[in-house]
């Protein structure tokens, strides 16, 4: 459970005011007076003691006299990241809801997750999300792109195989440059043909975009890797013989282990069936594949794909179980994920998004669930 101060879910009312915000203190001239915050502590992953001054929503390393200190000591991380989450709807037959979207993103924020990638949602992320300083930064892939028989009917954007390339380009242009393709679905149905997925890749890359692919079958993962997708989501039944190609071409691996791990015990109690046996066989191979992918140089990232939101700590713990070091697993949900999404960590001029801890979370991953301070866009969050 996240440790917070009273008033969880809102900006601290008695926190130092931010320069340039409407909460700034008024000077005698009636204009807002600049207020700069200071944080200092041991920065991960560098393990160096540093001080930063927060001016607006940016970090600065140049000292500012008389700054209000809001973090003094402890461990500082770039804001946590969940690279696979679907805020806005929780069940397959429910409509997308702005109210639920706000609640899900707030749950992420209150857990220290200050950047999310949404590889598919029931509706495109509305503009007001980017304009709200109290919500995490979002990198959206637009709506799920589903060809016939390969997703929950009506939940994503249903398109024909012939129209998939055009739709992928549309979603990438309308979002954060990403699109998400459902590359397979049922274990006993054919995966999306490789030539179609390759055409999607070429078209989306031509506009500077990137492609995420949902894959759970062996054929789906094979086609996605051979097509050169930018991120392989889930990767159940991934042939380990494809891992070297993933490393060489830069395909990231987002295994969402916590979502699968949560269902493993339930699956084992089900009546024997071809689907049950297929699922369990895929699950048994996932942790070894994650470890092998990391050892081969594949970028492994943390994504939850589950509810409630704000549970990326669980995914980090699963990555450690798979054989990643605590620091590598933590990076998969912080500095490594930010770099992969094009954002810097705790550096001069970087976003003022950080999480502070009283103890070193690389020594005890469970400490991630208890941040002592969360700062988003330069604002102190309770």
Protein backbone atom coordinates (compact mmCIF):
# COMPACT_ATOMS: atom_id res chain seq x y z
CA UNK A 1 0.00 0.00 0.00
CA UNK A 2 1.22 3.48 -0.84
CA UNK A 3 2.31 5.53 2.15
CA UNK A 4 0.89 9.01 1.87
CA UNK A 5 0.25 11.99 4.07
CA UNK A 6 -3.31 13.14 4.85
CA UNK A 7 -5.21 14.37 1.84
CA UNK A 8 -4.19 11.63 -0.61
CA UNK A 9 -5.15 12.39 -4.17
CA UNK A 10 -4.72 16.14 -4.17
CA UNK A 11 -1.94 18.67 -4.35
CA UNK A 12 -0.70 19.49 -0.86
CA UNK A 13 -2.52 22.64 0.16
CA UNK A 14 0.24 23.82 2.49
CA UNK A 15 3.14 22.89 0.19
CA UNK A 16 5.52 25.60 -1.04
CA UNK A 17 4.02 27.33 -4.05
CA UNK A 18 5.45 26.88 -7.50
CA UNK A 19 6.91 29.70 -9.56
CA UNK A 20 4.54 30.91 -12.22
CA UNK A 21 1.55 28.93 -10.95
CA UNK A 22 -1.74 30.46 -9.86
CA UNK A 23 -0.79 29.38 -6.33
CA UNK A 24 2.21 31.72 -6.25
CA UNK A 25 2.53 34.26 -3.47
CA UNK A 26 1.63 37.82 -4.42
CA UNK A 27 4.22 40.56 -4.16
CA UNK A 28 3.42 44.15 -3.29
CA UNK A 29 2.91 44.86 -6.99
CA UNK A 30 0.16 42.25 -7.12
CA UNK A 31 2.17 39.95 -9.36
CA UNK A 32 3.11 36.38 -8.52
CA UNK A 33 6.45 36.09 -6.73
CA UNK A 34 8.75 33.27 -7.82
CA UNK A 35 9.01 30.34 -5.42
CA UNK A 36 11.56 27.62 -6.18
CA UNK A 37 11.69 24.23 -4.50
CA UNK A 38 14.81 22.26 -3.65
CA UNK A 39 15.28 18.50 -3.40
CA UNK A 40 18.43 16.69 -2.44
CA UNK A 41 19.33 13.07 -1.92
CA UNK A 42 21.06 10.10 -3.51
CA UNK A 43 20.05 9.83 -7.16
CA UNK A 44 19.48 6.43 -8.76
CA UNK A 45 20.86 4.82 -10.82
CA UNK A 46 24.03 6.90 -10.49
CA UNK A 47 24.11 6.61 -6.68
CA UNK A 48 25.42 10.15 -6.38
CA UNK A 49 24.27 12.70 -3.86
CA UNK A 50 22.81 15.68 -5.72
CA UNK A 51 20.66 18.73 -5.28
CA UNK A 52 18.05 19.99 -7.72
CA UNK A 53 16.04 23.17 -7.80
CA UNK A 54 12.55 22.95 -9.28
CA UNK A 55 11.62 25.99 -11.32
CA UNK A 56 8.19 25.50 -12.84
CA UNK A 57 8.09 21.93 -14.14
CA UNK A 58 11.84 21.64 -14.83
CA UNK A 59 14.80 20.46 -12.78
CA UNK A 60 17.77 22.79 -12.45
CA UNK A 61 21.22 22.17 -11.04
CA UNK A 62 22.12 25.83 -10.62
CA UNK A 63 21.58 26.79 -6.96
CA UNK A 64 18.79 29.22 -6.14
CA UNK A 65 19.10 31.12 -2.85
CA UNK A 66 16.38 30.75 -0.22
CA UNK A 67 14.63 27.86 -2.01
CA UNK A 68 12.09 25.90 0.04
CA UNK A 69 13.48 22.42 0.73
CA UNK A 70 10.84 19.73 0.16
CA UNK A 71 13.13 16.67 0.12
CA UNK A 72 16.24 16.52 2.27
CA UNK A 73 17.99 13.15 2.19
CA UNK A 74 16.92 9.70 1.13
CA UNK A 75 16.85 8.19 -2.35
CA UNK A 76 15.63 9.98 -5.47
CA UNK A 77 14.25 8.23 -8.55
CA UNK A 78 12.87 9.57 -11.79
CA UNK A 79 9.11 9.12 -11.59
CA UNK A 80 8.00 5.52 -11.99
CA UNK A 81 6.70 4.32 -15.37
CA UNK A 82 4.07 1.77 -16.40
CA UNK A 83 4.59 1.10 -20.10
CA UNK A 84 1.55 -1.15 -20.51
CA UNK A 85 -1.67 0.06 -18.91
CA UNK A 86 -5.18 0.66 -20.25
CA UNK A 87 -6.88 3.40 -18.22
CA UNK A 88 -10.44 4.42 -18.94
CA UNK A 89 -12.28 1.11 -18.83
CA UNK A 90 -12.02 -1.97 -16.64
CA UNK A 91 -14.26 -4.57 -18.28
CA UNK A 92 -14.60 -5.71 -21.86
CA UNK A 93 -18.22 -4.64 -22.30
CA UNK A 94 -17.99 -1.25 -20.54
CA UNK A 95 -17.75 2.05 -22.40
CA UNK A 96 -14.72 4.30 -22.09
CA UNK A 97 -15.26 6.82 -19.29
CA UNK A 98 -13.51 10.14 -18.67
CA UNK A 99 -14.33 9.76 -14.98
CA UNK A 100 -12.72 6.32 -14.86
CA UNK A 101 -9.76 7.54 -16.91
CA UNK A 102 -9.09 10.27 -14.36
CA UNK A 103 -9.42 7.82 -11.48
CA UNK A 104 -7.06 5.31 -13.06
CA UNK A 105 -4.43 7.94 -13.82
CA UNK A 106 -4.76 9.34 -10.31
CA UNK A 107 -4.22 5.85 -8.89
CA UNK A 108 -1.03 5.60 -10.94
CA UNK A 109 0.13 9.01 -9.75
CA UNK A 110 -0.48 8.28 -6.09
CA UNK A 111 1.72 5.19 -6.42
CA UNK A 112 4.56 7.27 -7.85
CA UNK A 113 3.84 6.29 -11.48
CA UNK A 114 4.28 9.64 -13.19
CA UNK A 115 4.56 8.46 -16.82
CA UNK A 116 2.42 5.84 -18.54
CA UNK A 117 2.25 4.40 -22.01
CA UNK A 118 -1.20 3.21 -23.05
CA UNK A 119 -0.75 0.58 -25.77
CA UNK A 120 -4.38 0.62 -26.80
CA UNK A 121 -7.48 2.05 -25.15
CA UNK A 122 -11.18 1.84 -25.92
CA UNK A 123 -11.10 5.49 -27.04
CA UNK A 124 -8.30 7.88 -27.83
CA UNK A 125 -6.89 9.67 -24.80
CA UNK A 126 -8.58 13.11 -24.69
CA UNK A 127 -6.55 16.31 -24.85
CA UNK A 128 -7.53 17.38 -21.33
CA UNK A 129 -5.26 14.68 -19.88
CA UNK A 130 -2.12 16.41 -21.18
CA UNK A 131 -3.40 19.75 -19.93
CA UNK A 132 -4.01 18.59 -16.34
CA UNK A 133 -0.89 19.19 -14.21
CA UNK A 134 -2.12 16.77 -11.55
CA UNK A 135 -2.11 13.74 -13.86
CA UNK A 136 0.82 11.62 -15.06
CA UNK A 137 2.34 12.26 -18.45
CA UNK A 138 0.81 9.91 -21.04
CA UNK A 139 2.26 8.36 -24.17
CA UNK A 140 -0.72 6.94 -26.02
CA UNK A 141 -0.98 4.43 -28.86
CA UNK A 142 -4.54 5.38 -29.68
CA UNK A 143 -7.17 2.67 -29.94
CA UNK A 144 -6.45 -1.03 -30.14
CA UNK A 145 -6.33 -2.11 -33.78
CA UNK A 146 -8.15 -5.40 -34.16
CA UNK A 147 -8.76 -7.37 -37.33
CA UNK A 148 -11.74 -9.79 -37.49
CA UNK A 149 -11.73 -12.43 -34.76
CA UNK A 150 -8.69 -11.03 -32.98
CA UNK A 151 -10.01 -9.07 -30.00
CA UNK A 152 -13.05 -8.37 -27.86
CA UNK A 153 -15.69 -7.22 -30.37
CA UNK A 154 -16.26 -3.48 -30.27
CA UNK A 155 -13.68 -2.73 -27.58
CA UNK A 156 -10.98 -1.50 -29.93
CA UNK A 157 -11.02 -0.16 -33.46
CA UNK A 158 -12.27 -3.03 -35.62
CA UNK A 159 -10.68 -2.93 -39.06
CA UNK A 160 -10.22 -5.33 -41.95
CA UNK A 161 -6.79 -6.70 -42.77
CA UNK A 162 -6.87 -4.60 -45.94
CA UNK A 163 -7.49 -1.39 -43.96
CA UNK A 164 -5.05 -2.10 -41.13
CA UNK A 165 -2.10 -0.17 -42.57
CA UNK A 166 -4.16 2.98 -43.07
CA UNK A 167 -5.72 2.68 -39.61
CA UNK A 168 -2.31 2.16 -37.97
CA UNK A 169 -0.96 5.35 -39.52
CA UNK A 170 -4.08 7.24 -38.41
CA UNK A 171 -3.77 6.10 -34.80
CA UNK A 172 -0.06 6.87 -34.67
CA UNK A 173 -0.64 10.38 -36.03
CA UNK A 174 -3.53 11.02 -33.66
CA UNK A 175 -1.68 9.82 -30.55
CA UNK A 176 1.87 10.05 -29.26
CA UNK A 177 3.33 8.42 -32.35
CA UNK A 178 2.50 4.89 -31.25
CA UNK A 179 -0.07 2.42 -32.53
CA UNK A 180 -1.03 -0.97 -31.10
CA UNK A 181 -1.84 -3.98 -33.27
CA UNK A 182 -3.48 -7.16 -32.01
CA UNK A 183 -1.17 -9.62 -33.77
CA UNK A 184 -2.92 -12.77 -32.53
CA UNK A 185 -5.74 -13.78 -30.23
CA UNK A 186 -7.00 -17.34 -29.73
CA UNK A 187 -4.53 -20.19 -29.55
CA UNK A 188 -6.51 -22.17 -32.14
CA UNK A 189 -6.92 -19.34 -34.66
CA UNK A 190 -4.33 -18.00 -37.14
CA UNK A 191 -2.21 -15.01 -36.24
CA UNK A 192 -2.14 -11.81 -38.26
CA UNK A 193 -0.16 -12.56 -41.46
CA UNK A 194 3.43 -11.42 -41.34
CA UNK A 195 3.28 -9.53 -44.64
CA UNK A 196 0.46 -7.35 -43.30
CA UNK A 197 2.31 -6.63 -40.10
CA UNK A 198 5.45 -5.80 -42.08
CA UNK A 199 3.45 -3.35 -44.19
CA UNK A 200 2.16 -1.73 -40.99
CA UNK A 201 5.73 -1.38 -39.75
CA UNK A 202 6.94 0.25 -42.93
CA UNK A 203 4.07 2.73 -43.09
CA UNK A 204 4.20 3.73 -39.41
CA UNK A 205 7.99 4.04 -39.39
CA UNK A 206 7.76 6.21 -42.50
CA UNK A 207 5.91 8.86 -40.48
CA UNK A 208 8.29 8.51 -37.51
CA UNK A 209 5.93 6.36 -35.46
CA UNK A 210 6.33 3.11 -33.57
CA UNK A 211 4.35 -0.13 -33.36
CA UNK A 212 3.45 -2.25 -30.34
CA UNK A 213 2.14 -5.76 -30.97
CA UNK A 214 -0.02 -7.89 -28.69
CA UNK A 215 1.33 -11.45 -28.97
CA UNK A 216 0.45 -14.59 -27.02
CA UNK A 217 0.82 -17.37 -29.59
CA UNK A 218 4.02 -18.74 -31.06
CA UNK A 219 3.02 -17.68 -34.58
CA UNK A 220 1.98 -14.22 -33.43
CA UNK A 221 5.31 -13.62 -31.70
CA UNK A 222 7.21 -15.04 -34.68
CA UNK A 223 5.46 -12.77 -37.14
CA UNK A 224 5.87 -9.72 -34.89
CA UNK A 225 9.59 -10.22 -34.35
CA UNK A 226 10.25 -11.01 -38.01
CA UNK A 227 8.30 -7.88 -38.98
CA UNK A 228 10.50 -5.84 -36.62
CA UNK A 229 7.91 -4.43 -34.22
CA UNK A 230 9.15 -1.86 -31.73
CA UNK A 231 7.69 -3.60 -28.70
CA UNK A 232 6.49 -7.14 -28.11
CA UNK A 233 3.67 -7.08 -25.56
CA UNK A 234 3.23 -10.21 -23.41
CA UNK A 235 5.24 -12.59 -25.61
CA UNK A 236 3.66 -15.75 -24.23
CA UNK A 237 4.92 -18.73 -26.28
CA UNK A 238 7.80 -16.65 -27.61
CA UNK A 239 10.34 -18.91 -29.29
CA UNK A 240 13.62 -18.22 -27.44
CA UNK A 241 15.36 -18.58 -30.79
CA UNK A 242 13.94 -15.15 -31.69
CA UNK A 243 15.54 -13.33 -28.76
CA UNK A 244 18.81 -12.53 -30.52
CA UNK A 245 16.90 -10.93 -33.38
CA UNK A 246 14.90 -8.87 -30.90
CA UNK A 247 18.15 -7.63 -29.38
CA UNK A 248 19.79 -6.81 -32.70
CA UNK A 249 16.83 -4.88 -34.12
CA UNK A 250 15.84 -3.11 -30.89
CA UNK A 251 12.50 -4.81 -30.19
CA UNK A 252 11.64 -4.17 -26.54
CA UNK A 253 9.97 -6.86 -24.44
CA UNK A 254 7.05 -5.95 -22.16
CA UNK A 255 6.04 -9.30 -20.61
CA UNK A 256 3.37 -8.04 -18.15
CA UNK A 257 4.28 -10.89 -15.81
CA UNK A 258 2.11 -9.68 -12.94
CA UNK A 259 -1.04 -10.02 -15.05
CA UNK A 260 -0.19 -13.59 -16.07
CA UNK A 261 1.14 -14.56 -12.66
CA UNK A 262 -2.11 -13.50 -11.01
CA UNK A 263 -4.01 -15.99 -13.15
CA UNK A 264 -1.61 -18.93 -12.99
CA UNK A 265 -2.97 -20.56 -9.83
CA UNK A 266 -6.53 -20.20 -11.06
CA UNK A 267 -5.65 -21.81 -14.37
CA UNK A 268 -4.12 -24.80 -12.61
CA UNK A 269 -7.44 -25.51 -10.88
CA UNK A 270 -9.43 -25.51 -14.12
CA UNK A 271 -10.63 -28.68 -15.78
CA UNK A 272 -8.02 -30.00 -18.23
CA UNK A 273 -8.47 -28.64 -21.75
CA UNK A 274 -6.36 -27.78 -24.76
CA UNK A 275 -6.63 -24.08 -23.95
CA UNK A 276 -5.68 -24.59 -20.29
CA UNK A 277 -2.66 -26.70 -21.19
CA UNK A 278 -1.60 -24.19 -23.87
CA UNK A 279 -1.86 -21.29 -21.43
CA UNK A 280 0.09 -23.00 -18.65
CA UNK A 281 2.81 -24.12 -21.04
CA UNK A 282 3.21 -20.53 -22.18
CA UNK A 283 3.33 -19.23 -18.63
CA UNK A 284 5.99 -21.74 -17.57
CA UNK A 285 8.28 -20.41 -20.30
CA UNK A 286 7.75 -16.71 -19.64
CA UNK A 287 10.14 -16.16 -16.74
CA UNK A 288 13.02 -18.04 -18.41
CA UNK A 289 12.39 -16.08 -21.62
CA UNK A 290 12.46 -12.77 -19.77
CA UNK A 291 15.76 -13.68 -18.16
CA UNK A 292 17.21 -14.86 -21.48
CA UNK A 293 16.02 -11.70 -23.23
CA UNK A 294 17.69 -9.47 -20.67
CA UNK A 295 20.93 -11.45 -20.85
CA UNK A 296 20.88 -11.13 -24.65
CA UNK A 297 20.59 -7.33 -24.44
CA UNK A 298 16.87 -6.93 -25.10
CA UNK A 299 15.29 -3.92 -23.37
CA UNK A 300 12.86 -5.45 -20.86
CA UNK A 301 10.28 -3.02 -19.49
CA UNK A 302 7.66 -3.03 -16.74
CA UNK A 303 3.98 -2.99 -17.65
CA UNK A 304 1.02 -4.19 -15.60
CA UNK A 305 -1.91 -4.64 -18.03
CA UNK A 306 -4.18 -5.10 -15.03
CA UNK A 307 -6.36 -3.40 -12.47
CA UNK A 308 -6.25 -1.72 -10.05
CA UNK A 309 -3.87 0.81 -11.57
CA UNK A 310 -0.79 1.90 -9.67
CA UNK A 311 0.61 -1.61 -9.09
CA UNK A 312 3.86 -1.42 -11.03
CA UNK A 313 5.72 -2.47 -7.86
CA UNK A 314 4.27 -5.95 -8.39
CA UNK A 315 5.66 -6.07 -11.94
CA UNK A 316 9.11 -5.05 -10.70
CA UNK A 317 8.97 -7.88 -8.16
CA UNK A 318 8.08 -10.35 -10.93
CA UNK A 319 11.00 -9.14 -13.04
CA UNK A 320 13.28 -9.87 -10.09
CA UNK A 321 11.78 -13.34 -9.81
CA UNK A 322 12.56 -13.82 -13.49
CA UNK A 323 16.24 -13.24 -12.76
CA UNK A 324 16.82 -9.52 -13.33
CA UNK A 325 18.79 -7.69 -10.68
CA UNK A 326 16.79 -5.41 -8.42
CA UNK A 327 18.42 -2.35 -9.98
CA UNK A 328 17.71 -3.51 -13.54
CA UNK A 329 14.10 -4.37 -12.67
CA UNK A 330 13.66 -0.98 -11.03
CA UNK A 331 15.14 0.74 -14.06
CA UNK A 332 12.57 -1.09 -16.21
CA UNK A 333 9.93 0.87 -14.27
CA UNK A 334 11.84 4.15 -14.03
CA UNK A 335 14.96 5.51 -15.75
CA UNK A 336 15.28 2.84 -18.47
CA UNK A 337 11.60 3.14 -19.38
CA UNK A 338 11.80 6.94 -19.47
CA UNK A 339 14.82 6.84 -21.76
CA UNK A 340 13.06 4.37 -24.06
CA UNK A 341 10.07 6.70 -24.26
CA UNK A 342 12.30 9.67 -25.01
CA UNK A 343 12.34 11.41 -21.64
CA UNK A 344 15.45 12.11 -19.55
CA UNK A 345 15.87 11.16 -15.93
CA UNK A 346 17.00 13.44 -13.10
CA UNK A 347 19.18 15.86 -15.05
CA UNK A 348 19.37 19.60 -15.56
CA UNK A 349 16.43 20.68 -17.70
CA UNK A 350 14.63 17.36 -17.27
CA UNK A 351 11.00 17.05 -16.15
CA UNK A 352 10.45 17.75 -12.47
CA UNK A 353 8.93 14.29 -11.97
CA UNK A 354 10.52 12.37 -9.15
CA UNK A 355 9.82 10.01 -6.28
CA UNK A 356 11.73 10.01 -3.01
CA UNK A 357 12.21 7.08 -0.63
CA UNK A 358 13.59 6.84 2.88
CA UNK A 359 15.47 3.62 2.05
CA UNK A 360 17.27 2.29 -1.00
CA UNK A 361 14.56 0.50 -3.06
CA UNK A 362 17.18 -1.59 -4.87
CA UNK A 363 17.88 -3.30 -1.53
CA UNK A 364 14.19 -3.86 -0.82
CA UNK A 365 11.89 -3.68 -3.84
CA UNK A 366 8.83 -3.59 -1.58
CA UNK A 367 9.93 -0.09 -0.52
CA UNK A 368 8.62 1.14 -3.88
CA UNK A 369 5.12 0.95 -2.44
CA UNK A 370 6.04 3.52 0.23
CA UNK A 371 7.35 6.74 -1.32
CA UNK A 372 8.09 9.50 1.15
CA UNK A 373 7.46 12.23 -1.43
CA UNK A 374 6.01 12.39 -4.94
CA UNK A 375 6.65 15.42 -7.15
CA UNK A 376 4.90 15.68 -10.51
CA UNK A 377 5.45 18.54 -12.96
CA UNK A 378 7.09 20.47 -10.13
CA UNK A 379 4.11 20.06 -7.81
CA UNK A 380 4.27 18.22 -4.49
CA UNK A 381 1.65 15.47 -4.43
CA UNK A 382 0.24 14.18 -1.14
